[in-house]
C-alpha atoms as a PDB file:
ATOM      1  CA  MET A   1     -22.291  15.700  -6.756  1.00  0.00           C
ATOM      2  CA  MET A   2     -19.153  14.330  -5.107  1.00  0.00           C
ATOM      3  CA  ASN A   3     -16.054  16.472  -4.758  1.00  0.00           C
ATOM      4  CA  ASN A   4     -12.578  15.299  -5.788  1.00  0.00           C
ATOM      5  CA  GLN A   5     -11.722  14.125  -2.290  1.00  0.00           C
ATOM      6  CA  GLU A   6     -14.809  11.917  -2.036  1.00  0.00           C
ATOM      7  CA  VAL A   7     -14.139  10.439  -5.482  1.00  0.00           C
ATOM      8  CA  LEU A   8     -10.554   9.602  -4.477  1.00  0.00           C
ATOM      9  CA  LYS A   9     -11.640   8.111  -1.124  1.00  0.00           C
ATOM     10  CA  ASN A  10     -14.203   5.902  -2.843  1.00  0.00           C
ATOM     11  CA  LYS A  11     -11.619   4.808  -5.405  1.00  0.00           C
ATOM     12  CA  ILE A  12      -9.073   3.852  -2.724  1.00  0.00           C
ATOM     13  CA  LEU A  13     -11.661   2.007  -0.665  1.00  0.00           C
ATOM     14  CA  ALA A  14     -12.995   0.130  -3.704  1.00  0.00           C
ATOM     15  CA  LEU A  15      -9.565  -0.885  -5.042  1.00  0.00           C
ATOM     16  CA  ILE A  16      -8.019  -1.907  -1.723  1.00  0.00           C
ATOM     17  CA  ASP A  17     -10.487  -2.353   1.117  1.00  0.00           C
ATOM     18  CA  GLY A  18     -13.132  -3.773  -1.208  1.00  0.00           C
ATOM     19  CA  ASN A  19     -10.641  -6.178  -2.760  1.00  0.00           C
ATOM     20  CA  ARG A  20     -10.965  -9.813  -1.705  1.00  0.00           C
ATOM     21  CA  ASP A  21      -7.281 -10.498  -2.349  1.00  0.00           C
ATOM     22  CA  PRO A  22      -5.413 -10.079   0.964  1.00  0.00           C
ATOM     23  CA  TRP A  23      -2.093  -9.655  -0.890  1.00  0.00           C
ATOM     24  CA  LYS A  24      -3.370  -6.471  -2.566  1.00  0.00           C
ATOM     25  CA  LYS A  25      -4.211  -5.091   0.873  1.00  0.00           C
ATOM     26  CA  ALA A  26      -0.893  -6.237   2.324  1.00  0.00           C
ATOM     27  CA  GLY A  27       1.040  -4.647  -0.517  1.00  0.00           C
ATOM     28  CA  PHE A  28      -0.814  -1.352  -0.240  1.00  0.00           C
ATOM     29  CA  TYR A  29      -0.789  -1.019   3.554  1.00  0.00           C
ATOM     30  CA  GLY A  30       2.776  -2.343   3.729  1.00  0.00           C
ATOM     31  CA  ASP A  31       4.050   0.309   1.336  1.00  0.00           C
ATOM     32  CA  PRO A  32       6.348   2.727   3.236  1.00  0.00           C
ATOM     33  CA  THR A  33       4.645   5.799   1.751  1.00  0.00           C
ATOM     34  CA  ILE A  34       1.208   4.528   2.748  1.00  0.00           C
ATOM     35  CA  GLN A  35       2.462   3.742   6.246  1.00  0.00           C
ATOM     36  CA  ILE A  36       3.672   7.328   6.665  1.00  0.00           C
ATOM     37  CA  ILE A  37       0.368   8.725   5.426  1.00  0.00           C
ATOM     38  CA  MET A  38      -1.679   6.309   7.546  1.00  0.00           C
ATOM     39  CA  ASN A  39       0.280   7.262  10.669  1.00  0.00           C
ATOM     40  CA  ARG A  40      -0.593  10.920  10.005  1.00  0.00           C
ATOM     41  CA  LEU A  41      -4.245  10.070   9.346  1.00  0.00           C
ATOM     42  CA  TYR A  42      -4.586   8.013  12.521  1.00  0.00           C
ATOM     43  CA  LYS A  43      -3.021  10.836  14.521  1.00  0.00           C
ATOM     44  CA  ARG A  44      -5.511  13.373  13.101  1.00  0.00           C
ATOM     45  CA  TRP A  45      -8.370  10.929  13.602  1.00  0.00           C
ATOM     46  CA  GLU A  46      -7.365  10.347  17.244  1.00  0.00           C
ATOM     47  CA  GLU A  47      -7.089  14.118  17.799  1.00  0.00           C
ATOM     48  CA  ASN A  48     -10.681  14.397  16.572  1.00  0.00           C
ATOM     49  CA  ASN A  49     -12.044  11.777  18.995  1.00  0.00           C
ATOM     50  CA  ARG A  50     -12.166   9.102  16.302  1.00  0.00           C
ATOM     51  CA  ASP A  51     -14.988  10.859  14.517  1.00  0.00           C
ATOM     52  CA  GLY A  52     -15.593   9.364  11.069  1.00  0.00           C
ATOM     53  CA  ARG A  53     -12.856   7.304   9.409  1.00  0.00           C
ATOM     54  CA  PRO A  54      -9.125   7.984   9.314  1.00  0.00           C
ATOM     55  CA  ILE A  55      -9.293   8.509   5.527  1.00  0.00           C
ATOM     56  CA  ASP A  56     -11.684  11.411   6.158  1.00  0.00           C
ATOM     57  CA  TYR A  57      -8.716  13.385   7.519  1.00  0.00           C
ATOM     58  CA  ALA A  58      -6.532  13.029   4.413  1.00  0.00           C
ATOM     59  CA  THR A  59      -5.538  16.074   2.432  1.00  0.00           C
ATOM     60  CA  LEU A  60      -6.162  16.158  -1.302  1.00  0.00           C
ATOM     61  CA  ASP A  61      -2.451  15.562  -1.952  1.00  0.00           C
ATOM     62  CA  GLU A  62      -2.400  12.568   0.395  1.00  0.00           C
ATOM     63  CA  LEU A  63      -5.482  11.140  -1.305  1.00  0.00           C
ATOM     64  CA  LYS A  64      -3.890  11.547  -4.730  1.00  0.00           C
ATOM     65  CA  ILE A  65      -0.792   9.654  -3.576  1.00  0.00           C
ATOM     66  CA  MET A  66      -2.913   6.952  -1.965  1.00  0.00           C
ATOM     67  CA  ALA A  67      -5.090   6.595  -5.074  1.00  0.00           C
ATOM     68  CA  ARG A  68      -2.021   6.279  -7.318  1.00  0.00           C
ATOM     69  CA  LEU A  69      -0.581   3.565  -5.073  1.00  0.00           C
ATOM     70  CA  ALA A  70      -3.975   1.845  -4.789  1.00  0.00           C
ATOM     71  CA  GLU A  71      -4.066   1.596  -8.591  1.00  0.00           C
ATOM     72  CA  LYS A  72      -0.497   0.270  -8.607  1.00  0.00           C
ATOM     73  CA  TYR A  73      -1.220  -2.496  -6.092  1.00  0.00           C
ATOM     74  CA  TYR A  74      -4.569  -3.297  -7.698  1.00  0.00           C
ATOM     75  CA  ARG A  75      -2.776  -3.938 -11.014  1.00  0.00           C
ATOM     76  CA  THR A  76       0.211  -5.764  -9.474  1.00  0.00           C
ATOM     77  CA  PRO A  77      -0.166  -9.557  -9.620  1.00  0.00           C
ATOM     78  CA  SER A  78      -0.523 -11.164  -6.195  1.00  0.00           C
ATOM     79  CA  SER A  79       2.450 -13.395  -6.960  1.00  0.00           C
ATOM     80  CA  GLU A  80       4.647 -10.303  -7.362  1.00  0.00           C
ATOM     81  CA  ILE A  81       3.474  -8.871  -4.036  1.00  0.00           C
ATOM     82  CA  GLN A  82       4.074 -12.254  -2.351  1.00  0.00           C
ATOM     83  CA  ARG A  83       7.584 -12.428  -3.798  1.00  0.00           C
ATOM     84  CA  GLN A  84       8.345  -8.955  -2.468  1.00  0.00           C
ATOM     85  CA  TYR A  85       7.088  -9.840   1.000  1.00  0.00           C
ATOM     86  CA  LEU A  86       8.622 -13.276   1.270  1.00  0.00           C
ATOM     87  CA  PHE A  87      11.955 -12.711  -0.417  1.00  0.00           C
ATOM     88  CA  GLY A  88      12.317  -8.951  -0.748  1.00  0.00           C
ATOM     89  CA  ILE A  89      12.699  -9.427  -4.500  1.00  0.00           C
ATOM     90  CA  LYS A  90      11.239  -6.973  -6.957  1.00  0.00           C
ATOM     91  CA  ARG A  91      10.815  -7.716 -10.628  1.00  0.00           C
ATOM     92  CA  GLU A  92      13.676  -5.374 -11.608  1.00  0.00           C
ATOM     93  CA  GLU A  93      16.003  -7.228  -9.220  1.00  0.00           C
ATOM     94  CA  LYS A  94      15.532 -10.520 -11.050  1.00  0.00           C
ATOM     95  CA  LYS A  95      18.656  -9.802 -13.089  1.00  0.00           C
ATOM     96  CA  GLU A  96      20.729 -10.771 -10.055  1.00  0.00           C
ATOM     97  CA  GLY A  97      18.879 -14.042  -9.925  1.00  0.00           C
ATOM     98  CA  VAL A  98      16.267 -15.184  -7.479  1.00  0.00           C
ATOM     99  CA  LEU A  99      18.352 -18.097  -6.212  1.00  0.00           C
ATOM    100  CA  LYS A 100      21.416 -15.939  -5.604  1.00  0.00           C
ATOM    101  CA  LYS A 101      19.328 -13.322  -3.762  1.00  0.00           C
ATOM    102  CA  LEU A 102      17.614 -15.988  -1.649  1.00  0.00           C
ATOM    103  CA  LEU A 103      20.916 -17.644  -0.719  1.00  0.00           C
ATOM    104  CA  LYS A 104      22.400 -14.294   0.297  1.00  0.00           C
ATOM    105  CA  LYS A 105      19.374 -13.632   2.480  1.00  0.00           C
ATOM    106  CA  ILE A 106      19.531 -17.070   4.114  1.00  0.00           C
ATOM    107  CA  PHE A 107      23.278 -17.293   4.715  1.00  0.00           C
ATOM    108  CA  TRP A 108      24.409 -13.717   5.123  1.00  0.00           C
ATOM    109  CA  GLY A 109      21.193 -11.892   6.079  1.00  0.00           C
ATOM    110  CA  ARG A 110      21.488  -9.535   3.105  1.00  0.00           C
END
């Protein structure tokens, strides 16, 4: 029987690493929270002579956060993730207008 940590690891790996859509992976691994966690995991993994996988060194709390974000990015349409990467526009920011936001970014770097 698998423990909670193994279940969460398998879920994360299936939703993100097993996903054929590169935008899902980019969204997940580009998330600032995931980057912080991954930096910690790689440090622990390096300290343990790269034994196993970096995810093997995650705490239960880190795995819960990662699993929640994996579900989020798995459900997020690729077009939304692309828009966030290319234009820095999130769905809730659409009120300002995509064109206005894009022009600001191009002309004033904002």
